[in-house]
Every structure is written in structure tokens, then in C-alpha cells.
């Protein structure tokens, strides 16, 4: 589409084109600013719905609570078990999640649960098995000390005697 040149001097046409370009650039910048303000910051998880996870941490051999056990869902949602072994994780994203429990002296355990929006998911009992060896000890026993083999005797062995050797009785005497 061609525009007719405006009446007057030819420099007027150039001024109108420059003004239109400026207006288009400013409109583009305004629309870009409005559009970028609607998107979340880059470090925010894209989940808007959350739930809660509860449960108890127990020793698998004694069924006693394990206080101070670290309970986590991913790396952002963590809690510490209380003296009864109970824990509450709030603000956990909805959907399939994996609850992991770690405690010193125990092997870790994980359990898959499903978290619903604004609901409490019960992980029930998370039972930890005591580690076989305390931390810092060798996993293999130290090798045994070899005992020296008996050396053959250099003295001559006596000849067998013609008299039989006395026999020892294992029965008690009356």
C-alpha cells in the first residue's frame, strides 16, 4: 500500500515515517513489558497446588520411634521427626511424590505416595533398618594372622615297643 505524499515540503513525509517508527517501537516495548510481567520468575516451581504429608519413623527391629530423622520430598521440602517419630511436611506439590527418610546408624528408606490438593497424604509408618556396622568401621573383618606350620622334627623317632600302651578309660570309677 502506498501513501500519497503529504502536502507541503518533501521533508514532511520523512518526519511522519520517523514518528510512526517511534510509535511502533514504543508499543512493542510496552506489550513486551506487560507480557513478561505475567510469567512467573524463573526459579519458581510451576505448581500452584499443594498438599500435606504426614507419617511416623520407626526402628524396624524394635518398632520404637526414631527422633530427629530427616524426612524429605525432593530437596525443597524437608522436616525432622519429633520425639515420637512423627513428621509433617506442608506445601508439598500435588501428584506422585517420593518420601525419603535418613537417620544416622540406619539404612535409608523411600516410599511413593500421591498428594492431593489441600489434602493430607498419610505415609503411615516408615520403618528404618539399623545399619550392620556403625559408621567409620571397616566393612570387611581384618585378615587373620597366619600361624607358622610345624617344622619336622630332626630327632629319630623311638622304635615301637612290644608292650601295648595302657588304655585310658573314659568311664568314671565307682
N, C-alpha and C. Protein backbone atom coordinates (compact mmCIF):
# COMPACT_ATOMS: atom_id res chain seq x y z
N UNK A 1 0.85 -1.15 0.00
CA UNK A 1 0.00 0.00 0.00
C UNK A 1 0.91 1.22 0.00
N UNK A 2 0.59 2.13 -0.85
CA UNK A 2 1.38 3.35 -0.99
C UNK A 2 0.57 4.53 -0.49
N UNK A 3 1.27 5.38 0.23
CA UNK A 3 0.62 6.59 0.72
C UNK A 3 1.00 7.75 -0.19
N UNK A 4 0.09 8.59 -0.39
CA UNK A 4 0.40 9.80 -1.18
C UNK A 4 1.23 10.73 -0.34
N UNK A 5 2.12 11.42 -0.94
CA UNK A 5 2.96 12.32 -0.16
C UNK A 5 2.11 13.46 0.39
N UNK A 6 2.40 13.86 1.62
CA UNK A 6 1.58 14.90 2.24
C UNK A 6 1.81 16.23 1.54
N UNK A 7 0.84 17.06 1.64
CA UNK A 7 1.00 18.38 1.02
C UNK A 7 2.11 19.15 1.72
N UNK A 8 2.75 19.96 1.06
CA UNK A 8 3.82 20.77 1.63
C UNK A 8 5.16 20.30 1.17
N UNK A 9 6.17 20.48 1.98
CA UNK A 9 7.53 20.16 1.58
C UNK A 9 7.80 18.65 1.67
N UNK A 10 8.81 18.13 0.93
CA UNK A 10 9.10 16.71 0.95
C UNK A 10 9.66 16.22 2.28
N UNK A 11 10.20 17.03 3.12
CA UNK A 11 10.72 16.61 4.43
C UNK A 11 9.62 16.21 5.38
N UNK A 12 8.42 16.66 5.09
CA UNK A 12 7.27 16.31 5.93
C UNK A 12 7.02 14.79 5.89
N UNK A 13 7.16 14.19 4.74
CA UNK A 13 6.97 12.73 4.59
C UNK A 13 7.94 11.98 5.47
N UNK A 14 9.17 12.38 5.49
CA UNK A 14 10.20 11.72 6.30
C UNK A 14 9.87 11.83 7.79
N UNK A 15 9.38 12.97 8.23
CA UNK A 15 9.02 13.18 9.63
C UNK A 15 7.88 12.26 10.04
N UNK A 16 6.91 12.05 9.19
CA UNK A 16 5.77 11.18 9.50
C UNK A 16 6.24 9.72 9.64
N UNK A 17 7.12 9.26 8.76
CA UNK A 17 7.63 7.89 8.82
C UNK A 17 8.43 7.68 10.10
N UNK A 18 9.27 8.62 10.47
CA UNK A 18 10.06 8.50 11.70
C UNK A 18 9.15 8.47 12.91
N UNK A 19 8.12 9.27 12.95
CA UNK A 19 7.17 9.27 14.08
C UNK A 19 6.42 7.93 14.17
N UNK A 20 6.05 7.36 13.02
CA UNK A 20 5.38 6.06 13.02
C UNK A 20 6.31 4.97 13.54
N UNK A 21 7.58 5.02 13.15
CA UNK A 21 8.54 4.03 13.63
C UNK A 21 8.71 4.13 15.14
N UNK A 22 8.83 5.33 15.65
CA UNK A 22 8.95 5.53 17.11
C UNK A 22 7.73 4.98 17.83
N UNK A 23 6.55 5.25 17.29
CA UNK A 23 5.31 4.79 17.92
C UNK A 23 5.26 3.27 17.94
N UNK A 24 5.66 2.63 16.86
CA UNK A 24 5.67 1.17 16.81
C UNK A 24 6.68 0.57 17.79
N UNK A 25 7.85 1.15 17.92
CA UNK A 25 8.86 0.66 18.86
C UNK A 25 8.36 0.80 20.29
N UNK A 26 7.78 1.93 20.62
CA UNK A 26 7.26 2.14 21.98
C UNK A 26 6.12 1.16 22.27
N UNK A 27 5.22 0.93 21.31
CA UNK A 27 4.12 -0.02 21.51
C UNK A 27 4.66 -1.43 21.72
N UNK A 28 5.68 -1.81 20.95
CA UNK A 28 6.30 -3.13 21.11
C UNK A 28 6.90 -3.30 22.51
N UNK A 29 7.62 -2.26 22.99
CA UNK A 29 8.23 -2.33 24.31
C UNK A 29 7.18 -2.43 25.41
N UNK A 30 6.08 -1.68 25.27
CA UNK A 30 5.02 -1.73 26.28
C UNK A 30 4.38 -3.12 26.30
N UNK A 31 4.09 -3.68 25.14
CA UNK A 31 3.47 -5.00 25.09
C UNK A 31 4.42 -6.08 25.63
N UNK A 32 5.70 -5.95 25.36
CA UNK A 32 6.67 -6.90 25.89
C UNK A 32 6.74 -6.82 27.40
N UNK A 33 6.72 -5.62 27.96
CA UNK A 33 6.77 -5.45 29.41
C UNK A 33 5.53 -6.03 30.07
N UNK A 34 4.38 -5.83 29.46
CA UNK A 34 3.14 -6.37 30.02
C UNK A 34 3.17 -7.89 29.96
N UNK A 35 3.62 -8.45 28.86
CA UNK A 35 3.67 -9.91 28.71
C UNK A 35 4.64 -10.56 29.67
N UNK A 36 5.81 -9.96 29.90
CA UNK A 36 6.79 -10.57 30.79
C UNK A 36 6.39 -10.47 32.25
N UNK A 37 5.54 -9.51 32.60
CA UNK A 37 5.11 -9.40 34.00
C UNK A 37 4.10 -10.48 34.35
N UNK A 38 3.51 -11.13 33.36
CA UNK A 38 2.53 -12.19 33.61
C UNK A 38 3.18 -13.54 33.86
N UNK A 39 4.41 -13.72 33.46
CA UNK A 39 5.07 -15.01 33.64
C UNK A 39 5.75 -15.07 35.01
N UNK A 40 5.83 -16.28 35.61
CA UNK A 40 6.46 -16.39 36.93
C UNK A 40 7.97 -16.22 36.82
N UNK A 41 8.63 -15.88 37.93
CA UNK A 41 10.08 -15.79 37.93
C UNK A 41 10.69 -17.14 37.56
N UNK A 42 11.91 -17.17 37.02
CA UNK A 42 12.48 -18.43 36.54
C UNK A 42 12.77 -19.45 37.63
N UNK A 43 12.91 -19.05 38.90
CA UNK A 43 13.25 -20.02 39.94
C UNK A 43 12.02 -20.54 40.68
N UNK A 44 10.83 -20.20 40.26
CA UNK A 44 9.62 -20.67 40.91
C UNK A 44 9.16 -21.96 40.26
N UNK A 45 8.81 -22.95 41.11
CA UNK A 45 8.31 -24.21 40.61
C UNK A 45 6.94 -23.94 39.99
N UNK A 46 6.67 -24.54 38.86
CA UNK A 46 5.44 -24.26 38.12
C UNK A 46 4.22 -24.96 38.67
N UNK A 47 4.13 -25.18 39.95
CA UNK A 47 2.99 -25.85 40.56
C UNK A 47 2.28 -24.85 41.45
N UNK A 48 0.99 -24.78 41.33
CA UNK A 48 0.22 -23.84 42.14
C UNK A 48 -0.62 -24.55 43.19
N UNK A 49 -0.67 -25.86 43.18
CA UNK A 49 -1.49 -26.62 44.11
C UNK A 49 -0.61 -27.46 45.01
N UNK A 50 -0.95 -27.46 46.31
CA UNK A 50 -0.12 -28.13 47.30
C UNK A 50 -0.97 -28.97 48.24
N UNK A 51 -0.30 -29.89 48.94
CA UNK A 51 -0.93 -30.71 49.95
C UNK A 51 0.04 -30.91 51.10
N UNK A 52 -0.32 -31.81 52.03
CA UNK A 52 0.48 -32.08 53.22
C UNK A 52 0.78 -33.57 53.29
N UNK A 53 1.96 -33.91 53.82
CA UNK A 53 2.35 -35.31 54.01
C UNK A 53 2.65 -35.51 55.49
N UNK A 54 2.08 -36.57 56.10
CA UNK A 54 2.34 -36.90 57.50
C UNK A 54 2.75 -38.37 57.58
N UNK A 55 3.36 -38.74 58.71
CA UNK A 55 3.74 -40.12 58.94
C UNK A 55 4.56 -40.26 60.20
N UNK A 56 5.08 -41.48 60.43
CA UNK A 56 5.93 -41.76 61.59
C UNK A 56 7.11 -42.58 61.17
N UNK A 57 8.28 -42.31 61.80
CA UNK A 57 9.52 -43.02 61.52
C UNK A 57 9.79 -43.96 62.69
N UNK A 58 9.94 -45.27 62.38
CA UNK A 58 10.15 -46.27 63.42
C UNK A 58 11.37 -47.12 63.11
N UNK A 59 11.97 -47.68 64.17
CA UNK A 59 13.04 -48.67 64.03
C UNK A 59 12.36 -49.98 63.63
N UNK A 60 12.82 -50.61 62.56
CA UNK A 60 12.17 -51.82 62.05
C UNK A 60 12.35 -53.02 62.96
N UNK A 61 13.36 -53.03 63.82
CA UNK A 61 13.58 -54.19 64.68
C UNK A 61 12.88 -54.07 66.03
N UNK A 62 12.66 -52.85 66.50
CA UNK A 62 12.06 -52.67 67.83
C UNK A 62 10.72 -51.95 67.79
N UNK A 63 10.36 -51.37 66.65
CA UNK A 63 9.16 -50.53 66.49
C UNK A 63 9.16 -49.33 67.42
N UNK A 64 10.35 -48.90 67.86
CA UNK A 64 10.46 -47.67 68.65
C UNK A 64 10.64 -46.49 67.72
N UNK A 65 10.15 -45.31 68.11
CA UNK A 65 10.31 -44.14 67.25
C UNK A 65 11.77 -43.73 67.10
N UNK A 66 12.11 -43.14 65.97
CA UNK A 66 13.45 -42.62 65.72
C UNK A 66 13.34 -41.10 65.68
N UNK A 67 13.65 -40.43 66.80
CA UNK A 67 13.57 -38.97 66.80
C UNK A 67 14.69 -38.36 65.96
N UNK A 68 14.44 -37.16 65.47
CA UNK A 68 15.42 -36.39 64.69
C UNK A 68 15.77 -37.01 63.34
N UNK A 69 14.97 -37.95 62.84
CA UNK A 69 15.21 -38.49 61.49
C UNK A 69 14.86 -37.42 60.48
N UNK A 70 15.60 -37.33 59.40
CA UNK A 70 15.38 -36.34 58.36
C UNK A 70 14.43 -36.93 57.31
N UNK A 71 13.30 -36.25 57.11
CA UNK A 71 12.29 -36.69 56.15
C UNK A 71 12.24 -35.65 55.04
N UNK A 72 12.23 -36.10 53.78
CA UNK A 72 12.22 -35.14 52.68
C UNK A 72 11.40 -35.65 51.51
N UNK A 73 10.87 -34.68 50.76
CA UNK A 73 10.24 -34.92 49.47
C UNK A 73 11.02 -34.03 48.52
N UNK A 74 11.87 -34.64 47.69
CA UNK A 74 12.76 -33.84 46.86
C UNK A 74 13.79 -33.15 47.74
N UNK A 75 14.32 -32.05 47.26
CA UNK A 75 15.31 -31.33 48.06
C UNK A 75 14.76 -30.06 48.67
N UNK A 76 13.55 -29.65 48.28
CA UNK A 76 12.99 -28.40 48.79
C UNK A 76 12.11 -28.58 50.01
N UNK A 77 11.55 -29.76 50.21
CA UNK A 77 10.58 -29.97 51.28
C UNK A 77 11.17 -30.96 52.27
N UNK A 78 11.57 -30.47 53.46
CA UNK A 78 12.18 -31.33 54.48
C UNK A 78 11.55 -31.06 55.84
N UNK A 79 11.64 -32.07 56.70
CA UNK A 79 11.17 -31.96 58.07
C UNK A 79 12.01 -32.90 58.93
N UNK A 80 11.97 -32.68 60.22
CA UNK A 80 12.66 -33.54 61.18
C UNK A 80 11.62 -34.22 62.04
N UNK A 81 11.78 -35.53 62.25
CA UNK A 81 10.83 -36.27 63.07
C UNK A 81 10.93 -35.80 64.53
N UNK A 82 9.78 -35.74 65.20
CA UNK A 82 9.77 -35.34 66.60
C UNK A 82 10.16 -36.52 67.49
N UNK A 83 10.05 -36.37 68.82
CA UNK A 83 10.48 -37.43 69.74
C UNK A 83 9.61 -38.68 69.63
N UNK A 84 8.42 -38.56 69.06
CA UNK A 84 7.55 -39.72 68.84
C UNK A 84 7.75 -40.32 67.45
N UNK A 85 8.67 -39.73 66.66
CA UNK A 85 8.92 -40.21 65.30
C UNK A 85 7.99 -39.60 64.27
N UNK A 86 7.07 -38.74 64.70
CA UNK A 86 6.10 -38.15 63.79
C UNK A 86 6.68 -36.99 62.99
N UNK A 87 6.14 -36.77 61.81
CA UNK A 87 6.57 -35.65 60.97
C UNK A 87 5.39 -35.10 60.18
N UNK A 88 5.50 -33.83 59.79
CA UNK A 88 4.51 -33.15 58.96
C UNK A 88 5.27 -32.33 57.93
N UNK A 89 4.99 -32.57 56.66
CA UNK A 89 5.57 -31.79 55.56
C UNK A 89 4.42 -31.00 54.92
N UNK A 90 4.50 -29.68 54.95
CA UNK A 90 3.45 -28.86 54.35
C UNK A 90 3.97 -28.24 53.06
N UNK A 91 3.04 -27.86 52.20
CA UNK A 91 3.39 -27.20 50.95
C UNK A 91 4.03 -28.12 49.94
N UNK A 92 3.69 -29.41 49.98
CA UNK A 92 4.25 -30.38 49.03
C UNK A 92 3.42 -30.33 47.75
N UNK A 93 4.06 -30.24 46.57
CA UNK A 93 3.30 -30.19 45.32
C UNK A 93 2.43 -31.43 45.14
N UNK A 94 1.28 -31.24 44.51
CA UNK A 94 0.36 -32.36 44.30
C UNK A 94 0.92 -33.32 43.26
N UNK A 95 0.43 -34.56 43.30
CA UNK A 95 0.85 -35.58 42.34
C UNK A 95 1.68 -36.66 43.01
N UNK A 96 2.28 -37.52 42.20
CA UNK A 96 3.15 -38.59 42.72
C UNK A 96 4.41 -37.99 43.32
N UNK A 97 4.72 -38.36 44.54
CA UNK A 97 5.92 -37.86 45.22
C UNK A 97 6.61 -39.04 45.90
N UNK A 98 7.90 -38.89 46.18
CA UNK A 98 8.68 -39.91 46.88
C UNK A 98 9.16 -39.32 48.19
N UNK A 99 8.76 -39.95 49.30
CA UNK A 99 9.19 -39.53 50.64
C UNK A 99 10.42 -40.35 50.98
N UNK A 100 11.51 -39.67 51.39
CA UNK A 100 12.74 -40.35 51.79
C UNK A 100 13.04 -40.03 53.24
N UNK A 101 13.55 -41.04 53.98
CA UNK A 101 13.88 -40.86 55.39
C UNK A 101 15.33 -41.31 55.60
N UNK A 102 16.10 -40.46 56.28
CA UNK A 102 17.50 -40.76 56.61
C UNK A 102 17.70 -40.54 58.11
N UNK A 103 18.47 -41.42 58.73
CA UNK A 103 18.83 -41.27 60.14
C UNK A 103 20.20 -41.91 60.34
N UNK A 104 21.04 -41.31 61.19
CA UNK A 104 22.36 -41.90 61.44
C UNK A 104 22.23 -43.28 62.05
N UNK A 105 23.02 -44.23 61.55
CA UNK A 105 23.00 -45.59 62.07
C UNK A 105 21.95 -46.48 61.44
N UNK A 106 21.21 -45.94 60.45
CA UNK A 106 20.15 -46.71 59.80
C UNK A 106 20.32 -46.61 58.29
N UNK A 107 19.81 -47.61 57.59
CA UNK A 107 19.75 -47.51 56.14
C UNK A 107 18.56 -46.61 55.80
N UNK A 108 18.62 -45.92 54.67
CA UNK A 108 17.52 -45.02 54.34
C UNK A 108 16.38 -45.81 53.69
N UNK A 109 15.20 -45.21 53.73
CA UNK A 109 14.03 -45.84 53.13
C UNK A 109 13.29 -44.77 52.32
N UNK A 110 12.63 -45.21 51.26
CA UNK A 110 11.81 -44.29 50.48
C UNK A 110 10.46 -44.95 50.21
N UNK A 111 9.45 -44.10 50.06
CA UNK A 111 8.09 -44.60 49.84
C UNK A 111 7.38 -43.64 48.88
N UNK A 112 6.70 -44.20 47.89
CA UNK A 112 5.97 -43.40 46.91
C UNK A 112 4.56 -43.14 47.45
N UNK A 113 4.13 -41.87 47.37
CA UNK A 113 2.78 -41.50 47.81
C UNK A 113 2.16 -40.58 46.77
N UNK A 114 0.85 -40.37 46.86
CA UNK A 114 0.15 -39.46 45.97
C UNK A 114 -0.44 -38.35 46.81
N UNK A 115 -0.09 -37.10 46.49
CA UNK A 115 -0.53 -35.93 47.25
C UNK A 115 -1.67 -35.25 46.48
N UNK A 116 -2.79 -35.00 47.17
CA UNK A 116 -3.94 -34.32 46.59
C UNK A 116 -3.96 -32.86 47.06
N UNK A 117 -4.60 -32.02 46.26
CA UNK A 117 -4.66 -30.59 46.57
C UNK A 117 -5.42 -30.34 47.86
N UNK A 118 -4.78 -29.58 48.76
CA UNK A 118 -5.36 -29.20 50.05
C UNK A 118 -5.81 -30.39 50.90
N UNK A 119 -5.19 -31.55 50.70
CA UNK A 119 -5.48 -32.75 51.48
C UNK A 119 -4.21 -33.21 52.17
N UNK A 120 -4.38 -34.12 53.15
CA UNK A 120 -3.24 -34.69 53.86
C UNK A 120 -3.02 -36.13 53.41
N UNK A 121 -1.84 -36.39 52.87
CA UNK A 121 -1.46 -37.75 52.46
C UNK A 121 -0.73 -38.40 53.63
N UNK A 122 -1.15 -39.60 54.02
CA UNK A 122 -0.54 -40.28 55.15
C UNK A 122 0.45 -41.32 54.63
N UNK A 123 1.73 -41.10 54.92
CA UNK A 123 2.78 -42.05 54.53
C UNK A 123 2.83 -43.23 55.49
N UNK A 124 2.03 -43.18 56.54
CA UNK A 124 1.95 -44.21 57.57
C UNK A 124 3.29 -44.41 58.27
N UNK A 125 3.69 -45.67 58.47
CA UNK A 125 4.94 -45.97 59.18
C UNK A 125 6.08 -46.18 58.19
N UNK A 126 7.13 -45.43 58.38
CA UNK A 126 8.35 -45.58 57.58
C UNK A 126 9.36 -46.24 58.51
N UNK A 127 9.66 -47.52 58.25
CA UNK A 127 10.49 -48.31 59.16
C UNK A 127 11.90 -48.41 58.62
N UNK A 128 12.87 -47.95 59.44
CA UNK A 128 14.28 -47.98 59.07
C UNK A 128 14.96 -49.18 59.70
N UNK A 129 15.83 -49.83 58.92
CA UNK A 129 16.59 -50.99 59.39
C UNK A 129 17.94 -50.49 59.90
N UNK A 130 18.35 -50.91 61.12
CA UNK A 130 19.67 -50.49 61.61
C UNK A 130 20.78 -50.94 60.66
N UNK A 131 21.77 -50.10 60.52
CA UNK A 131 22.92 -50.45 59.68
C UNK A 131 23.68 -51.59 60.33
N UNK A 132 24.30 -52.47 59.52
CA UNK A 132 25.01 -53.63 60.04
C UNK A 132 26.21 -53.23 60.88
N UNK A 133 26.94 -52.22 60.45
CA UNK A 133 28.13 -51.77 61.16
C UNK A 133 28.01 -50.27 61.43
N UNK A 134 28.48 -49.83 62.59
CA UNK A 134 28.47 -48.39 62.84
C UNK A 134 29.34 -47.67 61.82
N UNK A 135 29.01 -46.42 61.59
CA UNK A 135 29.77 -45.62 60.62
C UNK A 135 31.23 -45.54 61.04
N UNK A 136 32.12 -45.63 60.08
CA UNK A 136 33.55 -45.49 60.34
C UNK A 136 34.27 -46.82 60.53
N UNK A 137 33.56 -47.89 60.71
CA UNK A 137 34.22 -49.19 60.86
C UNK A 137 34.39 -49.84 59.50
N UNK A 138 35.37 -50.72 59.42
CA UNK A 138 35.63 -51.42 58.16
C UNK A 138 34.45 -52.33 57.83
N UNK A 139 34.19 -52.48 56.55
CA UNK A 139 33.08 -53.35 56.15
C UNK A 139 33.50 -54.81 56.08
N UNK A 140 34.78 -55.09 56.00
CA UNK A 140 35.27 -56.46 56.00
C UNK A 140 36.08 -56.69 57.26
N UNK A 141 36.01 -57.90 57.84
CA UNK A 141 36.83 -58.16 59.03
C UNK A 141 38.31 -58.17 58.64
N UNK A 142 39.20 -57.81 59.57
CA UNK A 142 40.63 -57.83 59.24
C UNK A 142 41.07 -59.26 58.97
N UNK A 143 42.07 -59.42 58.11
CA UNK A 143 42.51 -60.78 57.82
C UNK A 143 43.13 -61.41 59.06
N UNK A 144 42.99 -62.75 59.16
CA UNK A 144 43.56 -63.47 60.30
C UNK A 144 45.07 -63.53 60.24
N UNK A 145 45.71 -63.68 61.39
CA UNK A 145 47.18 -63.79 61.44
C UNK A 145 47.54 -65.23 61.15
N UNK A 146 48.39 -65.47 60.16
CA UNK A 146 48.74 -66.87 59.85
C UNK A 146 49.61 -67.45 60.96
N UNK A 147 49.34 -68.72 61.31
CA UNK A 147 50.17 -69.39 62.32
C UNK A 147 51.26 -70.18 61.59
N UNK A 148 52.45 -70.24 62.18
CA UNK A 148 53.53 -70.97 61.49
C UNK A 148 53.22 -72.46 61.43
N UNK A 149 53.63 -73.08 60.34
CA UNK A 149 53.40 -74.53 60.20
C UNK A 149 54.44 -75.27 61.03
N UNK A 150 54.06 -76.39 61.60
CA UNK A 150 55.03 -77.14 62.42
C UNK A 150 56.18 -77.65 61.55
N UNK A 151 57.37 -77.49 62.09
CA UNK A 151 58.54 -77.97 61.35
C UNK A 151 58.77 -79.44 61.69
N UNK A 152 59.26 -80.19 60.75
CA UNK A 152 59.50 -81.62 61.04
C UNK A 152 60.61 -81.76 62.08
N UNK A 153 60.44 -82.73 62.92
CA UNK A 153 61.41 -82.98 63.98
C UNK A 153 62.66 -83.65 63.40
N UNK A 154 63.84 -83.25 63.89
CA UNK A 154 65.09 -83.83 63.39
C UNK A 154 65.55 -85.01 64.23
N UNK A 155 64.95 -85.20 65.41
CA UNK A 155 65.38 -86.34 66.24
C UNK A 155 64.75 -87.62 65.71
N UNK A 156 65.44 -88.73 65.96
CA UNK A 156 64.95 -90.03 65.49
C UNK A 156 63.80 -90.46 66.36
N UNK A 157 62.79 -91.01 65.72
CA UNK A 157 61.64 -91.45 66.49
C UNK A 157 61.95 -92.79 67.13
N UNK A 158 61.48 -93.01 68.36
CA UNK A 158 61.75 -94.28 69.02
C UNK A 158 61.04 -95.42 68.32
N UNK A 159 61.62 -96.60 68.43
CA UNK A 159 61.01 -97.76 67.81
C UNK A 159 59.80 -98.17 68.63
N UNK A 160 58.83 -98.70 67.97
CA UNK A 160 57.63 -99.10 68.72
C UNK A 160 57.97 -100.23 69.68
N UNK A 161 57.41 -100.12 70.86
CA UNK A 161 57.69 -101.15 71.87
C UNK A 161 56.75 -102.32 71.68
N UNK A 162 57.17 -103.43 72.21
CA UNK A 162 56.37 -104.64 72.07
C UNK A 162 55.22 -104.66 73.05
N UNK A 163 55.32 -103.88 74.13
CA UNK A 163 54.24 -103.87 75.12
C UNK A 163 53.23 -102.80 74.72
N UNK A 164 52.01 -103.15 74.81
CA UNK A 164 50.97 -102.16 74.45
C UNK A 164 50.92 -101.05 75.49
N UNK A 165 50.59 -99.89 75.03
CA UNK A 165 50.45 -98.76 75.94
C UNK A 165 49.17 -98.88 76.73
N UNK A 166 49.16 -98.37 77.95
CA UNK A 166 47.92 -98.52 78.76
C UNK A 166 46.78 -97.72 78.14
N UNK A 167 45.60 -98.22 78.26
CA UNK A 167 44.42 -97.56 77.70
C UNK A 167 43.77 -96.73 78.79
N UNK A 168 43.31 -95.61 78.39
CA UNK A 168 42.65 -94.71 79.34
C UNK A 168 41.17 -94.94 79.22
N UNK A 169 40.55 -95.14 80.37
CA UNK A 169 39.09 -95.38 80.38
C UNK A 169 38.38 -94.07 80.56
N UNK A 170 37.34 -93.87 79.82
CA UNK A 170 36.57 -92.65 79.91
C UNK A 170 35.44 -92.76 80.90
N UNK A 171 35.20 -93.96 81.44
CA UNK A 171 34.08 -94.11 82.37
C UNK A 171 34.57 -93.79 83.78
N UNK A 172 33.72 -93.16 84.57
CA UNK A 172 34.11 -92.84 85.96
C UNK A 172 34.21 -94.08 86.81
N UNK A 173 35.08 -94.03 87.77
CA UNK A 173 35.25 -95.18 88.66
C UNK A 173 34.19 -95.13 89.75
N UNK A 174 33.78 -96.36 90.20
CA UNK A 174 32.69 -96.38 91.21
C UNK A 174 33.16 -96.09 92.59
